[in-house]
All heavy atoms as atom14 arrays in JSON, in Angstrom:
{
  "sequence": "TPFATANTGKVGDHMVAMPHFGVVLDKPDWDKMVARLTEAGID",
  "atom14_mask": [
    [1, 1, 1, 1, 1, 1, 1, 0, 0, 0, 0, 0, 0, 0],
    [1, 1, 1, 1, 1, 1, 1, 0, 0, 0, 0, 0, 0, 0],
    [1, 1, 1, 1, 1, 1, 1, 1, 1, 1, 1, 0, 0, 0],
    [1, 1, 1, 1, 1, 0, 0, 0, 0, 0, 0, 0, 0, 0],
    [1, 1, 1, 1, 1, 1, 1, 0, 0, 0, 0, 0, 0, 0],
    [1, 1, 1, 1, 1, 0, 0, 0, 0, 0, 0, 0, 0, 0],
    [1, 1, 1, 1, 1, 1, 1, 1, 0, 0, 0, 0, 0, 0],
    [1, 1, 1, 1, 1, 1, 1, 0, 0, 0, 0, 0, 0, 0],
    [1, 1, 1, 1, 0, 0, 0, 0, 0, 0, 0, 0, 0, 0],
    [1, 1, 1, 1, 1, 1, 1, 1, 1, 0, 0, 0, 0, 0],
    [1, 1, 1, 1, 1, 1, 1, 0, 0, 0, 0, 0, 0, 0],
    [1, 1, 1, 1, 0, 0, 0, 0, 0, 0, 0, 0, 0, 0],
    [1, 1, 1, 1, 1, 1, 1, 1, 0, 0, 0, 0, 0, 0],
    [1, 1, 1, 1, 1, 1, 1, 1, 1, 1, 0, 0, 0, 0],
    [1, 1, 1, 1, 1, 1, 1, 1, 0, 0, 0, 0, 0, 0],
    [1, 1, 1, 1, 1, 1, 1, 0, 0, 0, 0, 0, 0, 0],
    [1, 1, 1, 1, 1, 0, 0, 0, 0, 0, 0, 0, 0, 0],
    [1, 1, 1, 1, 1, 1, 1, 1, 0, 0, 0, 0, 0, 0],
    [1, 1, 1, 1, 1, 1, 1, 0, 0, 0, 0, 0, 0, 0],
    [1, 1, 1, 1, 1, 1, 1, 1, 1, 1, 0, 0, 0, 0],
    [1, 1, 1, 1, 1, 1, 1, 1, 1, 1, 1, 0, 0, 0],
    [1, 1, 1, 1, 0, 0, 0, 0, 0, 0, 0, 0, 0, 0],
    [1, 1, 1, 1, 1, 1, 1, 0, 0, 0, 0, 0, 0, 0],
    [1, 1, 1, 1, 1, 1, 1, 0, 0, 0, 0, 0, 0, 0],
    [1, 1, 1, 1, 1, 1, 1, 1, 0, 0, 0, 0, 0, 0],
    [1, 1, 1, 1, 1, 1, 1, 1, 0, 0, 0, 0, 0, 0],
    [1, 1, 1, 1, 1, 1, 1, 1, 1, 0, 0, 0, 0, 0],
    [1, 1, 1, 1, 1, 1, 1, 0, 0, 0, 0, 0, 0, 0],
    [1, 1, 1, 1, 1, 1, 1, 1, 0, 0, 0, 0, 0, 0],
    [1, 1, 1, 1, 1, 1, 1, 1, 1, 1, 1, 1, 1, 1],
    [1, 1, 1, 1, 1, 1, 1, 1, 0, 0, 0, 0, 0, 0],
    [1, 1, 1, 1, 1, 1, 1, 1, 1, 0, 0, 0, 0, 0],
    [1, 1, 1, 1, 1, 1, 1, 1, 0, 0, 0, 0, 0, 0],
    [1, 1, 1, 1, 1, 1, 1, 0, 0, 0, 0, 0, 0, 0],
    [1, 1, 1, 1, 1, 0, 0, 0, 0, 0, 0, 0, 0, 0],
    [1, 1, 1, 1, 1, 1, 1, 1, 1, 1, 1, 0, 0, 0],
    [1, 1, 1, 1, 1, 1, 1, 1, 0, 0, 0, 0, 0, 0],
    [1, 1, 1, 1, 1, 1, 1, 0, 0, 0, 0, 0, 0, 0],
    [1, 1, 1, 1, 1, 1, 1, 1, 1, 0, 0, 0, 0, 0],
    [1, 1, 1, 1, 1, 0, 0, 0, 0, 0, 0, 0, 0, 0],
    [1, 1, 1, 1, 0, 0, 0, 0, 0, 0, 0, 0, 0, 0],
    [1, 1, 1, 1, 1, 1, 1, 1, 0, 0, 0, 0, 0, 0],
    [1, 1, 1, 1, 1, 1, 1, 1, 0, 0, 0, 0, 0, 0]
  ],
  "atom14_positions": [
    [[-25.18, 20.62, -74.89], [-25.06, 21.88, -74.14], [-26.29, 22.07, -73.27], [-27.42, 22.12, -73.79], [-24.94, 23.07, -75.12], [-23.81, 22.85, -75.96], [-24.77, 24.37, -74.36], [0.0, 0.0, 0.0], [0.0, 0.0, 0.0], [0.0, 0.0, 0.0], [0.0, 0.0, 0.0], [0.0, 0.0, 0.0], [0.0, 0.0, 0.0], [0.0, 0.0, 0.0]],
    [[-26.1, 22.15, -71.94], [-27.25, 22.38, -71.06], [-27.97, 23.68, -71.42], [-27.37, 24.62, -71.93], [-26.63, 22.47, -69.66], [-25.37, 21.64, -69.78], [-24.87, 21.93, -71.18], [0.0, 0.0, 0.0], [0.0, 0.0, 0.0], [0.0, 0.0, 0.0], [0.0, 0.0, 0.0], [0.0, 0.0, 0.0], [0.0, 0.0, 0.0], [0.0, 0.0, 0.0]],
    [[-29.28, 23.73, -71.14], [-30.07, 24.9, -71.49], [-29.65, 26.12, -70.67], [-29.16, 25.98, -69.55], [-31.57, 24.63, -71.38], [-32.05, 24.18, -70.01], [-32.27, 25.1, -68.99], [-32.31, 22.84, -69.77], [-32.73, 24.69, -67.75], [-32.76, 22.41, -68.52], [-32.98, 23.34, -67.51], [0.0, 0.0, 0.0], [0.0, 0.0, 0.0], [0.0, 0.0, 0.0]],
    [[-29.85, 27.29, -71.25], [-29.54, 28.53, -70.55], [-30.6, 28.79, -69.5], [-31.77, 28.48, -69.69], [-29.49, 29.69, -71.55], [0.0, 0.0, 0.0], [0.0, 0.0, 0.0], [0.0, 0.0, 0.0], [0.0, 0.0, 0.0], [0.0, 0.0, 0.0], [0.0, 0.0, 0.0], [0.0, 0.0, 0.0], [0.0, 0.0, 0.0], [0.0, 0.0, 0.0]],
    [[-30.18, 29.37, -68.38], [-31.11, 29.72, -67.32], [-30.84, 31.17, -66.9], [-29.77, 31.71, -67.15], [-30.95, 28.8, -66.09], [-29.65, 28.96, -65.54], [-31.2, 27.35, -66.46], [0.0, 0.0, 0.0], [0.0, 0.0, 0.0], [0.0, 0.0, 0.0], [0.0, 0.0, 0.0], [0.0, 0.0, 0.0], [0.0, 0.0, 0.0], [0.0, 0.0, 0.0]],
    [[-31.82, 31.75, -66.25], [-31.69, 33.09, -65.69], [-32.49, 33.13, -64.39], [-33.54, 32.49, -64.28], [-32.2, 34.14, -66.67], [0.0, 0.0, 0.0], [0.0, 0.0, 0.0], [0.0, 0.0, 0.0], [0.0, 0.0, 0.0], [0.0, 0.0, 0.0], [0.0, 0.0, 0.0], [0.0, 0.0, 0.0], [0.0, 0.0, 0.0], [0.0, 0.0, 0.0]],
    [[-32.01, 33.88, -63.42], [-32.7, 33.99, -62.14], [-33.88, 34.96, -62.26], [-33.82, 36.1, -61.81], [-31.73, 34.44, -61.05], [-30.78, 33.34, -60.66], [-30.92, 32.2, -61.09], [-29.81, 33.65, -59.83], [0.0, 0.0, 0.0], [0.0, 0.0, 0.0], [0.0, 0.0, 0.0], [0.0, 0.0, 0.0], [0.0, 0.0, 0.0], [0.0, 0.0, 0.0]],
    [[-34.96, 34.46, -62.85], [-36.14, 35.27, -63.08], [-37.36, 34.77, -62.32], [-38.42, 35.39, -62.37], [-36.49, 35.33, -64.58], [-36.72, 33.99, -65.04], [-35.38, 35.98, -65.39], [0.0, 0.0, 0.0], [0.0, 0.0, 0.0], [0.0, 0.0, 0.0], [0.0, 0.0, 0.0], [0.0, 0.0, 0.0], [0.0, 0.0, 0.0], [0.0, 0.0, 0.0]],
    [[-37.24, 33.65, -61.62], [-38.37, 33.1, -60.86], [-38.31, 33.61, -59.43], [-37.3, 33.46, -58.76], [0.0, 0.0, 0.0], [0.0, 0.0, 0.0], [0.0, 0.0, 0.0], [0.0, 0.0, 0.0], [0.0, 0.0, 0.0], [0.0, 0.0, 0.0], [0.0, 0.0, 0.0], [0.0, 0.0, 0.0], [0.0, 0.0, 0.0], [0.0, 0.0, 0.0]],
    [[-39.4, 34.22, -58.98], [-39.42, 34.76, -57.62], [-39.99, 33.73, -56.66], [-41.12, 33.26, -56.83], [-40.24, 36.04, -57.56], [-40.12, 36.72, -56.22], [-40.62, 38.13, -56.24], [-40.36, 38.7, -54.85], [-40.49, 40.09, -54.76], [0.0, 0.0, 0.0], [0.0, 0.0, 0.0], [0.0, 0.0, 0.0], [0.0, 0.0, 0.0], [0.0, 0.0, 0.0]],
    [[-39.19, 33.36, -55.66], [-39.59, 32.43, -54.61], [-39.42, 33.17, -53.29], [-38.29, 33.37, -52.84], [-38.75, 31.14, -54.64], [-39.09, 30.25, -53.46], [-38.95, 30.39, -55.95], [0.0, 0.0, 0.0], [0.0, 0.0, 0.0], [0.0, 0.0, 0.0], [0.0, 0.0, 0.0], [0.0, 0.0, 0.0], [0.0, 0.0, 0.0], [0.0, 0.0, 0.0]],
    [[-40.51, 33.63, -52.73], [-40.41, 34.47, -51.53], [-39.65, 35.73, -51.87], [-40.01, 36.46, -52.79], [0.0, 0.0, 0.0], [0.0, 0.0, 0.0], [0.0, 0.0, 0.0], [0.0, 0.0, 0.0], [0.0, 0.0, 0.0], [0.0, 0.0, 0.0], [0.0, 0.0, 0.0], [0.0, 0.0, 0.0], [0.0, 0.0, 0.0], [0.0, 0.0, 0.0]],
    [[-38.56, 35.97, -51.15], [-37.72, 37.13, -51.39], [-36.53, 36.81, -52.29], [-35.64, 37.63, -52.47], [-37.19, 37.7, -50.07], [-38.31, 38.24, -49.19], [-39.31, 38.72, -49.76], [-38.19, 38.19, -47.96], [0.0, 0.0, 0.0], [0.0, 0.0, 0.0], [0.0, 0.0, 0.0], [0.0, 0.0, 0.0], [0.0, 0.0, 0.0], [0.0, 0.0, 0.0]],
    [[-36.49, 35.62, -52.86], [-35.34, 35.17, -53.65], [-35.71, 35.02, -55.12], [-36.82, 34.66, -55.46], [-34.83, 33.81, -53.13], [-34.45, 33.84, -51.69], [-33.23, 34.29, -51.25], [-35.14, 33.49, -50.59], [-33.18, 34.21, -49.94], [-34.33, 33.73, -49.5], [0.0, 0.0, 0.0], [0.0, 0.0, 0.0], [0.0, 0.0, 0.0], [0.0, 0.0, 0.0]],
    [[-34.73, 35.26, -55.97], [-34.88, 35.01, -57.4], [-34.16, 33.68, -57.69], [-33.01, 33.5, -57.27], [-34.28, 36.14, -58.22], [-34.94, 37.49, -57.96], [-36.73, 37.52, -58.26], [-36.76, 37.44, -60.03], [0.0, 0.0, 0.0], [0.0, 0.0, 0.0], [0.0, 0.0, 0.0], [0.0, 0.0, 0.0], [0.0, 0.0, 0.0], [0.0, 0.0, 0.0]],
    [[-34.85, 32.78, -58.38], [-34.29, 31.46, -58.65], [-34.22, 31.21, -60.15], [-34.9, 31.87, -60.94], [-35.1, 30.34, -57.95], [-35.05, 30.51, -56.44], [-36.53, 30.3, -58.46], [0.0, 0.0, 0.0], [0.0, 0.0, 0.0], [0.0, 0.0, 0.0], [0.0, 0.0, 0.0], [0.0, 0.0, 0.0], [0.0, 0.0, 0.0], [0.0, 0.0, 0.0]],
    [[-33.4, 30.24, -60.51], [-33.17, 29.92, -61.92], [-34.42, 29.4, -62.6], [-35.14, 28.55, -62.07], [-32.04, 28.89, -62.04], [0.0, 0.0, 0.0], [0.0, 0.0, 0.0], [0.0, 0.0, 0.0], [0.0, 0.0, 0.0], [0.0, 0.0, 0.0], [0.0, 0.0, 0.0], [0.0, 0.0, 0.0], [0.0, 0.0, 0.0], [0.0, 0.0, 0.0]],
    [[-34.65, 29.92, -63.77], [-35.74, 29.47, -64.63], [-35.14, 29.14, -65.99], [-34.27, 29.87, -66.45], [-36.79, 30.57, -64.79], [-37.51, 30.92, -63.51], [-38.48, 29.58, -62.83], [-39.77, 29.44, -64.03], [0.0, 0.0, 0.0], [0.0, 0.0, 0.0], [0.0, 0.0, 0.0], [0.0, 0.0, 0.0], [0.0, 0.0, 0.0], [0.0, 0.0, 0.0]],
    [[-35.55, 28.09, -66.64], [-36.41, 27.04, -66.08], [-35.62, 26.16, -65.11], [-34.39, 26.17, -65.1], [-36.85, 26.27, -67.31], [-35.77, 26.48, -68.32], [-35.2, 27.84, -68.04], [0.0, 0.0, 0.0], [0.0, 0.0, 0.0], [0.0, 0.0, 0.0], [0.0, 0.0, 0.0], [0.0, 0.0, 0.0], [0.0, 0.0, 0.0], [0.0, 0.0, 0.0]],
    [[-36.37, 25.39, -64.32], [-35.76, 24.39, -63.45], [-36.73, 23.2, -63.37], [-37.84, 23.26, -63.87], [-35.47, 24.96, -62.05], [-36.69, 25.43, -61.31], [-37.09, 26.74, -61.31], [-37.61, 24.77, -60.55], [-38.18, 26.88, -60.57], [-38.52, 25.68, -60.11], [0.0, 0.0, 0.0], [0.0, 0.0, 0.0], [0.0, 0.0, 0.0], [0.0, 0.0, 0.0]],
    [[-36.24, 22.11, -62.78], [-37.08, 20.93, -62.59], [-36.82, 20.39, -61.21], [-35.93, 20.86, -60.5], [-36.8, 19.86, -63.67], [-35.52, 19.12, -63.47], [-35.51, 17.84, -62.91], [-34.31, 19.68, -63.84], [-34.33, 17.15, -62.73], [-33.12, 19.0, -63.66], [-33.13, 17.73, -63.1], [0.0, 0.0, 0.0], [0.0, 0.0, 0.0], [0.0, 0.0, 0.0]],
    [[-37.6, 19.41, -60.81], [-37.38, 18.82, -59.49], [-38.42, 17.78, -59.16], [-39.04, 17.19, -60.04], [0.0, 0.0, 0.0], [0.0, 0.0, 0.0], [0.0, 0.0, 0.0], [0.0, 0.0, 0.0], [0.0, 0.0, 0.0], [0.0, 0.0, 0.0], [0.0, 0.0, 0.0], [0.0, 0.0, 0.0], [0.0, 0.0, 0.0], [0.0, 0.0, 0.0]],
    [[-38.6, 17.61, -57.86], [-39.5, 16.58, -57.36], [-40.11, 17.06, -56.05], [-39.52, 17.89, -55.35], [-38.75, 15.24, -57.18], [-37.71, 15.32, -56.08], [-39.7, 14.08, -56.95], [0.0, 0.0, 0.0], [0.0, 0.0, 0.0], [0.0, 0.0, 0.0], [0.0, 0.0, 0.0], [0.0, 0.0, 0.0], [0.0, 0.0, 0.0], [0.0, 0.0, 0.0]],
    [[-41.29, 16.53, -55.74], [-41.94, 16.78, -54.46], [-41.83, 15.5, -53.64], [-42.24, 14.43, -54.1], [-43.43, 17.16, -54.66], [-44.12, 17.32, -53.31], [-43.55, 18.43, -55.48], [0.0, 0.0, 0.0], [0.0, 0.0, 0.0], [0.0, 0.0, 0.0], [0.0, 0.0, 0.0], [0.0, 0.0, 0.0], [0.0, 0.0, 0.0], [0.0, 0.0, 0.0]],
    [[-41.26, 15.62, -52.46], [-41.1, 14.5, -51.54], [-41.98, 14.71, -50.31], [-42.36, 15.85, -50.01], [-39.64, 14.39, -51.08], [-38.58, 14.2, -52.14], [-37.19, 14.23, -51.51], [-38.8, 12.9, -52.9], [0.0, 0.0, 0.0], [0.0, 0.0, 0.0], [0.0, 0.0, 0.0], [0.0, 0.0, 0.0], [0.0, 0.0, 0.0], [0.0, 0.0, 0.0]],
    [[-42.25, 13.61, -49.59], [-42.91, 13.82, -48.31], [-41.86, 14.41, -47.36], [-40.65, 14.28, -47.58], [-43.58, 12.55, -47.78], [-42.62, 11.42, -47.47], [-41.44, 11.65, -47.18], [-43.07, 10.26, -47.51], [0.0, 0.0, 0.0], [0.0, 0.0, 0.0], [0.0, 0.0, 0.0], [0.0, 0.0, 0.0], [0.0, 0.0, 0.0], [0.0, 0.0, 0.0]],
    [[-42.31, 15.09, -46.33], [-41.41, 15.88, -45.49], [-40.29, 15.05, -44.86], [-39.13, 15.48, -44.87], [-42.22, 16.63, -44.42], [-41.4, 17.6, -43.6], [-40.81, 18.73, -44.42], [-40.28, 19.86, -43.58], [-39.09, 19.57, -42.8], [0.0, 0.0, 0.0], [0.0, 0.0, 0.0], [0.0, 0.0, 0.0], [0.0, 0.0, 0.0], [0.0, 0.0, 0.0]],
    [[-40.55, 13.84, -44.33], [-39.44, 13.07, -43.77], [-38.36, 12.73, -44.82], [-37.16, 12.79, -44.52], [-40.11, 11.8, -43.22], [-41.52, 12.21, -42.93], [-41.86, 13.21, -44.03], [0.0, 0.0, 0.0], [0.0, 0.0, 0.0], [0.0, 0.0, 0.0], [0.0, 0.0, 0.0], [0.0, 0.0, 0.0], [0.0, 0.0, 0.0], [0.0, 0.0, 0.0]],
    [[-38.78, 12.39, -46.04], [-37.8, 12.11, -47.09], [-37.07, 13.37, -47.52], [-35.88, 13.34, -47.84], [-38.47, 11.45, -48.3], [-38.88, 10.01, -48.02], [-38.32, 9.4, -47.09], [-39.76, 9.5, -48.73], [0.0, 0.0, 0.0], [0.0, 0.0, 0.0], [0.0, 0.0, 0.0], [0.0, 0.0, 0.0], [0.0, 0.0, 0.0], [0.0, 0.0, 0.0]],
    [[-37.76, 14.51, -47.51], [-37.12, 15.8, -47.82], [-36.03, 16.1, -46.79], [-34.93, 16.49, -47.14], [-38.17, 16.91, -47.86], [-37.62, 18.24, -48.28], [-37.47, 18.71, -49.55], [-37.14, 19.29, -47.43], [-36.94, 19.97, -49.54], [-36.73, 20.36, -48.26], [-37.03, 19.43, -46.05], [-36.21, 21.55, -47.76], [-36.51, 20.62, -45.55], [-36.1, 21.65, -46.39]],
    [[-36.36, 15.88, -45.51], [-35.38, 16.12, -44.44], [-34.14, 15.23, -44.64], [-33.01, 15.69, -44.46], [-35.99, 15.85, -43.07], [-37.04, 16.89, -42.67], [-36.97, 18.04, -43.15], [-37.93, 16.53, -41.87], [0.0, 0.0, 0.0], [0.0, 0.0, 0.0], [0.0, 0.0, 0.0], [0.0, 0.0, 0.0], [0.0, 0.0, 0.0], [0.0, 0.0, 0.0]],
    [[-34.35, 13.97, -45.01], [-33.23, 13.07, -45.28], [-32.4, 13.56, -46.46], [-31.17, 13.46, -46.46], [-33.73, 11.64, -45.55], [-34.29, 10.95, -44.33], [-34.86, 9.59, -44.7], [-35.64, 9.0, -43.56], [-36.39, 7.81, -43.94], [0.0, 0.0, 0.0], [0.0, 0.0, 0.0], [0.0, 0.0, 0.0], [0.0, 0.0, 0.0], [0.0, 0.0, 0.0]],
    [[-33.08, 14.1, -47.5], [-32.37, 14.61, -48.66], [-31.54, 15.84, -48.29], [-30.42, 16.0, -48.77], [-33.34, 14.94, -49.8], [-32.65, 15.38, -51.08], [-31.48, 14.18, -51.79], [-32.61, 12.91, -52.34], [0.0, 0.0, 0.0], [0.0, 0.0, 0.0], [0.0, 0.0, 0.0], [0.0, 0.0, 0.0], [0.0, 0.0, 0.0], [0.0, 0.0, 0.0]],
    [[-32.07, 16.7, -47.43], [-31.3, 17.86, -46.96], [-30.01, 17.38, -46.31], [-28.92, 17.88, -46.61], [-32.12, 18.73, -45.98], [-31.23, 19.77, -45.3], [-33.28, 19.39, -46.68], [0.0, 0.0, 0.0], [0.0, 0.0, 0.0], [0.0, 0.0, 0.0], [0.0, 0.0, 0.0], [0.0, 0.0, 0.0], [0.0, 0.0, 0.0], [0.0, 0.0, 0.0]],
    [[-30.11, 16.39, -45.44], [-28.93, 15.86, -44.76], [-27.96, 15.25, -45.76], [-26.73, 15.46, -45.67], [-29.34, 14.83, -43.71], [0.0, 0.0, 0.0], [0.0, 0.0, 0.0], [0.0, 0.0, 0.0], [0.0, 0.0, 0.0], [0.0, 0.0, 0.0], [0.0, 0.0, 0.0], [0.0, 0.0, 0.0], [0.0, 0.0, 0.0], [0.0, 0.0, 0.0]],
    [[-28.48, 14.51, -46.72], [-27.64, 13.86, -47.73], [-26.88, 14.89, -48.57], [-25.69, 14.76, -48.83], [-28.53, 12.99, -48.61], [-27.83, 12.21, -49.66], [-28.83, 11.38, -50.49], [-28.1, 10.44, -51.28], [-28.29, 9.14, -51.29], [-29.23, 8.61, -50.55], [-27.55, 8.37, -52.05], [0.0, 0.0, 0.0], [0.0, 0.0, 0.0], [0.0, 0.0, 0.0]],
    [[-27.59, 15.93, -49.02], [-26.97, 16.96, -49.85], [-25.98, 17.81, -49.05], [-24.91, 18.18, -49.55], [-28.04, 17.85, -50.47], [-28.96, 17.17, -51.48], [-30.09, 18.09, -51.88], [-28.19, 16.68, -52.69], [0.0, 0.0, 0.0], [0.0, 0.0, 0.0], [0.0, 0.0, 0.0], [0.0, 0.0, 0.0], [0.0, 0.0, 0.0], [0.0, 0.0, 0.0]],
    [[-26.31, 18.09, -47.8], [-25.4, 18.85, -46.94], [-24.12, 18.06, -46.72], [-23.01, 18.61, -46.82], [-26.1, 19.19, -45.6], [-27.27, 19.97, -45.88], [-25.17, 19.96, -44.68], [0.0, 0.0, 0.0], [0.0, 0.0, 0.0], [0.0, 0.0, 0.0], [0.0, 0.0, 0.0], [0.0, 0.0, 0.0], [0.0, 0.0, 0.0], [0.0, 0.0, 0.0]],
    [[-24.26, 16.77, -46.44], [-23.09, 15.91, -46.24], [-22.22, 15.84, -47.49], [-20.99, 15.77, -47.42], [-23.53, 14.51, -45.83], [-22.36, 13.58, -45.52], [-22.82, 12.21, -45.06], [-23.76, 12.14, -44.25], [-22.24, 11.21, -45.52], [0.0, 0.0, 0.0], [0.0, 0.0, 0.0], [0.0, 0.0, 0.0], [0.0, 0.0, 0.0], [0.0, 0.0, 0.0]],
    [[-22.86, 15.9, -48.67], [-22.12, 15.84, -49.94], [-21.49, 17.19, -50.3], [-20.78, 17.28, -51.3], [-23.05, 15.38, -51.05], [0.0, 0.0, 0.0], [0.0, 0.0, 0.0], [0.0, 0.0, 0.0], [0.0, 0.0, 0.0], [0.0, 0.0, 0.0], [0.0, 0.0, 0.0], [0.0, 0.0, 0.0], [0.0, 0.0, 0.0], [0.0, 0.0, 0.0]],
    [[-21.77, 18.22, -49.5], [-21.18, 19.52, -49.76], [-21.83, 20.29, -50.9], [-21.19, 21.15, -51.52], [0.0, 0.0, 0.0], [0.0, 0.0, 0.0], [0.0, 0.0, 0.0], [0.0, 0.0, 0.0], [0.0, 0.0, 0.0], [0.0, 0.0, 0.0], [0.0, 0.0, 0.0], [0.0, 0.0, 0.0], [0.0, 0.0, 0.0], [0.0, 0.0, 0.0]],
    [[-23.09, 20.02, -51.17], [-23.8, 20.72, -52.25], [-23.9, 22.2, -51.93], [-24.19, 22.59, -50.8], [-25.21, 20.12, -52.45], [-25.1, 18.69, -52.97], [-26.06, 20.98, -53.38], [-24.36, 18.52, -54.28], [0.0, 0.0, 0.0], [0.0, 0.0, 0.0], [0.0, 0.0, 0.0], [0.0, 0.0, 0.0], [0.0, 0.0, 0.0], [0.0, 0.0, 0.0]],
    [[-23.65, 23.03, -52.93], [-23.76, 24.48, -52.8], [-25.2, 24.87, -53.13], [-25.59, 24.86, -54.3], [-22.76, 25.15, -53.76], [-22.77, 26.66, -53.65], [-23.19, 27.19, -52.6], [-22.36, 27.32, -54.63], [0.0, 0.0, 0.0], [0.0, 0.0, 0.0], [0.0, 0.0, 0.0], [0.0, 0.0, 0.0], [0.0, 0.0, 0.0], [0.0, 0.0, 0.0]]
  ]
}
């Protein structure tokens, strides 16, 4: 069973799910990932 999350993390004006995980990419690779995820229809 995946862990429970709640939108309690404030990022700018947005509340985001906590806890969360991820990765830091260099900007060109981040831009490519945006295109890849957009093409895949990620919400």
